[in-house]
Amino acid sequence: MVALIPEARAARVEARRLRREVLELKLVLRESAVRSLAQRRAAAAALSGLAARRGEPLPSPWGTLRWSYDAEPLTGVLVAIP
């Protein structure tokens, strides 16, 4: 019975250390989640601002006509020549 007491104490110390480590990791994870959410919201705001500006007519460099940005990429229009 006496031989088990040091092992039990060591197990309790290790359990306390692991609980502390888990709490620290949870705190780091929460902080990371808050930063990530803030970054996602900022990116979404920037993207919506860009989308709104894309819908605005642009002045033509060749005249008084105003034109809109064509959303279709050139890869859909151009054909590769072999």
N, C-alpha and C. Protein backbone atom coordinates (compact mmCIF):
# COMPACT_ATOMS: atom_id res chain seq x y z
N MET A 1 0.82 -1.19 0.00
CA MET A 1 0.00 0.00 0.00
C MET A 1 0.86 1.26 0.00
N VAL A 2 1.94 1.26 0.75
CA VAL A 2 2.82 2.42 0.86
C VAL A 2 3.48 2.72 -0.49
N ALA A 3 3.75 1.70 -1.27
CA ALA A 3 4.40 1.89 -2.57
C ALA A 3 3.48 2.63 -3.54
N LEU A 4 2.18 2.56 -3.37
CA LEU A 4 1.24 3.21 -4.28
C LEU A 4 1.08 4.70 -4.00
N ILE A 5 1.39 5.14 -2.78
CA ILE A 5 1.18 6.55 -2.42
C ILE A 5 2.01 7.50 -3.28
N PRO A 6 3.30 7.29 -3.50
CA PRO A 6 4.06 8.20 -4.38
C PRO A 6 3.52 8.20 -5.82
N GLU A 7 3.08 7.04 -6.28
CA GLU A 7 2.52 6.97 -7.64
C GLU A 7 1.21 7.74 -7.73
N ALA A 8 0.40 7.64 -6.67
CA ALA A 8 -0.87 8.38 -6.65
C ALA A 8 -0.60 9.88 -6.62
N ARG A 9 0.37 10.31 -5.83
CA ARG A 9 0.72 11.73 -5.79
C ARG A 9 1.21 12.21 -7.15
N ALA A 10 2.05 11.41 -7.77
CA ALA A 10 2.56 11.77 -9.09
C ALA A 10 1.42 11.85 -10.11
N ALA A 11 0.46 10.94 -10.02
CA ALA A 11 -0.69 10.96 -10.93
C ALA A 11 -1.53 12.21 -10.70
N ARG A 12 -1.71 12.61 -9.43
CA ARG A 12 -2.48 13.83 -9.14
C ARG A 12 -1.76 15.07 -9.67
N VAL A 13 -0.46 15.11 -9.50
CA VAL A 13 0.32 16.25 -10.00
C VAL A 13 0.22 16.32 -11.53
N GLU A 14 0.34 15.18 -12.17
CA GLU A 14 0.24 15.13 -13.63
C GLU A 14 -1.17 15.54 -14.09
N ALA A 15 -2.19 15.10 -13.36
CA ALA A 15 -3.57 15.46 -13.71
C ALA A 15 -3.78 16.97 -13.59
N ARG A 16 -3.23 17.58 -12.54
CA ARG A 16 -3.34 19.04 -12.39
C ARG A 16 -2.62 19.76 -13.52
N ARG A 17 -1.45 19.27 -13.85
CA ARG A 17 -0.68 19.88 -14.94
C ARG A 17 -1.45 19.78 -16.26
N LEU A 18 -2.04 18.63 -16.51
CA LEU A 18 -2.80 18.45 -17.75
C LEU A 18 -4.04 19.34 -17.77
N ARG A 19 -4.72 19.49 -16.63
CA ARG A 19 -5.89 20.38 -16.58
C ARG A 19 -5.48 21.83 -16.88
N ARG A 20 -4.36 22.26 -16.30
CA ARG A 20 -3.86 23.61 -16.57
C ARG A 20 -3.54 23.79 -18.06
N GLU A 21 -2.88 22.80 -18.61
CA GLU A 21 -2.51 22.87 -20.02
C GLU A 21 -3.74 22.91 -20.91
N VAL A 22 -4.76 22.12 -20.57
CA VAL A 22 -5.99 22.11 -21.35
C VAL A 22 -6.67 23.48 -21.27
N LEU A 23 -6.72 24.07 -20.09
CA LEU A 23 -7.33 25.39 -19.95
C LEU A 23 -6.57 26.45 -20.74
N GLU A 24 -5.24 26.39 -20.73
CA GLU A 24 -4.44 27.33 -21.51
C GLU A 24 -4.70 27.17 -23.00
N LEU A 25 -4.78 25.91 -23.46
CA LEU A 25 -5.04 25.66 -24.87
C LEU A 25 -6.44 26.12 -25.27
N LYS A 26 -7.41 25.95 -24.39
CA LYS A 26 -8.76 26.43 -24.68
C LYS A 26 -8.77 27.95 -24.81
N LEU A 27 -8.03 28.62 -23.97
CA LEU A 27 -7.95 30.08 -24.04
C LEU A 27 -7.32 30.53 -25.35
N VAL A 28 -6.24 29.88 -25.74
CA VAL A 28 -5.59 30.20 -27.01
C VAL A 28 -6.55 29.96 -28.17
N LEU A 29 -7.29 28.86 -28.11
CA LEU A 29 -8.25 28.54 -29.17
C LEU A 29 -9.36 29.58 -29.25
N ARG A 30 -9.87 30.01 -28.12
CA ARG A 30 -10.92 31.04 -28.12
C ARG A 30 -10.41 32.35 -28.70
N GLU A 31 -9.20 32.75 -28.31
CA GLU A 31 -8.62 33.98 -28.84
C GLU A 31 -8.43 33.88 -30.35
N SER A 32 -7.99 32.73 -30.81
CA SER A 32 -7.81 32.51 -32.24
C SER A 32 -9.15 32.56 -32.98
N ALA A 33 -10.18 32.00 -32.38
CA ALA A 33 -11.50 32.03 -32.99
C ALA A 33 -12.03 33.45 -33.09
N VAL A 34 -11.79 34.27 -32.07
CA VAL A 34 -12.23 35.66 -32.11
C VAL A 34 -11.51 36.42 -33.21
N ARG A 35 -10.19 36.21 -33.32
CA ARG A 35 -9.42 36.88 -34.38
C ARG A 35 -9.89 36.42 -35.76
N SER A 36 -10.12 35.13 -35.89
CA SER A 36 -10.56 34.58 -37.17
C SER A 36 -11.92 35.14 -37.57
N LEU A 37 -12.82 35.25 -36.62
CA LEU A 37 -14.14 35.81 -36.91
C LEU A 37 -14.02 37.27 -37.34
N ALA A 38 -13.18 38.03 -36.67
CA ALA A 38 -12.98 39.43 -37.04
C ALA A 38 -12.39 39.54 -38.45
N GLN A 39 -11.44 38.68 -38.77
CA GLN A 39 -10.84 38.70 -40.11
C GLN A 39 -11.86 38.32 -41.18
N ARG A 40 -12.71 37.32 -40.88
CA ARG A 40 -13.74 36.92 -41.84
C ARG A 40 -14.73 38.04 -42.07
N ARG A 41 -15.12 38.73 -40.99
CA ARG A 41 -16.07 39.84 -41.15
C ARG A 41 -15.45 40.97 -41.95
N ALA A 42 -14.17 41.28 -41.72
CA ALA A 42 -13.50 42.33 -42.48
C ALA A 42 -13.39 41.95 -43.95
N ALA A 43 -13.08 40.69 -44.22
CA ALA A 43 -12.98 40.23 -45.61
C ALA A 43 -14.34 40.29 -46.30
N ALA A 44 -15.39 39.90 -45.60
CA ALA A 44 -16.73 39.95 -46.18
C ALA A 44 -17.14 41.39 -46.47
N ALA A 45 -16.81 42.30 -45.57
CA ALA A 45 -17.13 43.72 -45.80
C ALA A 45 -16.36 44.25 -47.01
N ALA A 46 -15.10 43.90 -47.12
CA ALA A 46 -14.30 44.35 -48.26
C ALA A 46 -14.84 43.77 -49.56
N LEU A 47 -15.25 42.52 -49.54
CA LEU A 47 -15.78 41.88 -50.74
C LEU A 47 -17.10 42.49 -51.15
N SER A 48 -17.97 42.79 -50.18
CA SER A 48 -19.24 43.40 -50.54
C SER A 48 -19.03 44.82 -51.08
N GLY A 49 -18.05 45.55 -50.53
CA GLY A 49 -17.73 46.87 -51.06
C GLY A 49 -17.22 46.79 -52.49
N LEU A 50 -16.40 45.79 -52.76
CA LEU A 50 -15.88 45.60 -54.12
C LEU A 50 -17.00 45.24 -55.07
N ALA A 51 -17.91 44.38 -54.63
CA ALA A 51 -19.03 43.99 -55.49
C ALA A 51 -19.92 45.20 -55.78
N ALA A 52 -20.11 46.06 -54.79
CA ALA A 52 -20.93 47.26 -55.00
C ALA A 52 -20.27 48.21 -56.00
N ARG A 53 -18.95 48.35 -55.90
CA ARG A 53 -18.23 49.24 -56.83
C ARG A 53 -18.21 48.67 -58.24
N ARG A 54 -18.25 47.35 -58.37
CA ARG A 54 -18.23 46.75 -59.70
C ARG A 54 -19.51 47.07 -60.46
N GLY A 55 -20.61 47.28 -59.74
CA GLY A 55 -21.87 47.58 -60.40
C GLY A 55 -21.99 49.02 -60.86
N GLU A 56 -21.11 49.89 -60.42
CA GLU A 56 -21.16 51.30 -60.82
C GLU A 56 -20.63 51.46 -62.24
N PRO A 57 -21.30 52.26 -63.06
CA PRO A 57 -20.79 52.48 -64.42
C PRO A 57 -19.49 53.30 -64.39
N LEU A 58 -18.59 52.93 -65.26
CA LEU A 58 -17.28 53.59 -65.34
C LEU A 58 -17.23 54.53 -66.53
N PRO A 59 -16.46 55.61 -66.44
CA PRO A 59 -16.33 56.48 -67.60
C PRO A 59 -15.49 55.80 -68.68
N SER A 60 -15.90 56.00 -69.91
CA SER A 60 -15.16 55.43 -71.03
C SER A 60 -13.93 56.28 -71.31
N PRO A 61 -12.80 55.66 -71.58
CA PRO A 61 -11.61 56.45 -71.91
C PRO A 61 -11.68 57.05 -73.32
N TRP A 62 -12.67 56.64 -74.15
CA TRP A 62 -12.74 57.09 -75.53
C TRP A 62 -13.87 58.07 -75.79
N GLY A 63 -14.72 58.34 -74.82
CA GLY A 63 -15.84 59.24 -75.08
C GLY A 63 -16.63 59.52 -73.81
N THR A 64 -17.87 59.96 -74.01
CA THR A 64 -18.70 60.31 -72.86
C THR A 64 -19.57 59.15 -72.39
N LEU A 65 -19.51 58.06 -73.09
CA LEU A 65 -20.28 56.88 -72.69
C LEU A 65 -19.78 56.33 -71.36
N ARG A 66 -20.71 55.80 -70.58
CA ARG A 66 -20.32 55.12 -69.33
C ARG A 66 -20.58 53.63 -69.55
N TRP A 67 -19.72 52.80 -69.07
CA TRP A 67 -19.86 51.37 -69.27
C TRP A 67 -19.68 50.63 -67.96
N SER A 68 -20.21 49.43 -67.91
CA SER A 68 -20.14 48.59 -66.71
C SER A 68 -19.06 47.54 -66.88
N TYR A 69 -18.56 47.08 -65.77
CA TYR A 69 -17.55 46.02 -65.77
C TYR A 69 -18.19 44.72 -66.21
N ASP A 70 -17.59 44.05 -67.15
CA ASP A 70 -18.09 42.76 -67.60
C ASP A 70 -17.60 41.68 -66.65
N ALA A 71 -18.52 40.97 -66.04
CA ALA A 71 -18.15 39.95 -65.05
C ALA A 71 -17.60 38.68 -65.71
N GLU A 72 -17.82 38.53 -67.00
CA GLU A 72 -17.36 37.32 -67.66
C GLU A 72 -15.85 37.41 -67.89
N PRO A 73 -15.10 36.44 -67.40
CA PRO A 73 -13.63 36.51 -67.58
C PRO A 73 -13.25 36.26 -69.04
N LEU A 74 -12.10 36.75 -69.40
CA LEU A 74 -11.62 36.59 -70.77
C LEU A 74 -11.41 35.13 -71.15
N THR A 75 -11.16 34.28 -70.20
CA THR A 75 -10.95 32.87 -70.51
C THR A 75 -12.21 32.25 -71.09
N GLY A 76 -13.39 32.79 -70.74
CA GLY A 76 -14.63 32.28 -71.31
C GLY A 76 -14.89 32.80 -72.70
N VAL A 77 -14.25 33.91 -73.07
CA VAL A 77 -14.49 34.54 -74.36
C VAL A 77 -13.42 34.12 -75.37
N LEU A 78 -12.19 34.09 -74.94
CA LEU A 78 -11.08 33.79 -75.84
C LEU A 78 -10.96 32.29 -76.07
N VAL A 79 -10.54 31.95 -77.25
CA VAL A 79 -10.34 30.54 -77.60
C VAL A 79 -8.86 30.34 -77.86
N ALA A 80 -8.31 29.31 -77.25
CA ALA A 80 -6.88 29.03 -77.45
C ALA A 80 -6.64 28.53 -78.87
N ILE A 81 -5.58 29.02 -79.49
CA ILE A 81 -5.22 28.60 -80.85
C ILE A 81 -4.10 27.58 -80.72
N PRO A 82 -4.33 26.38 -81.25
CA PRO A 82 -3.28 25.34 -81.13
C PRO A 82 -2.09 25.59 -82.01
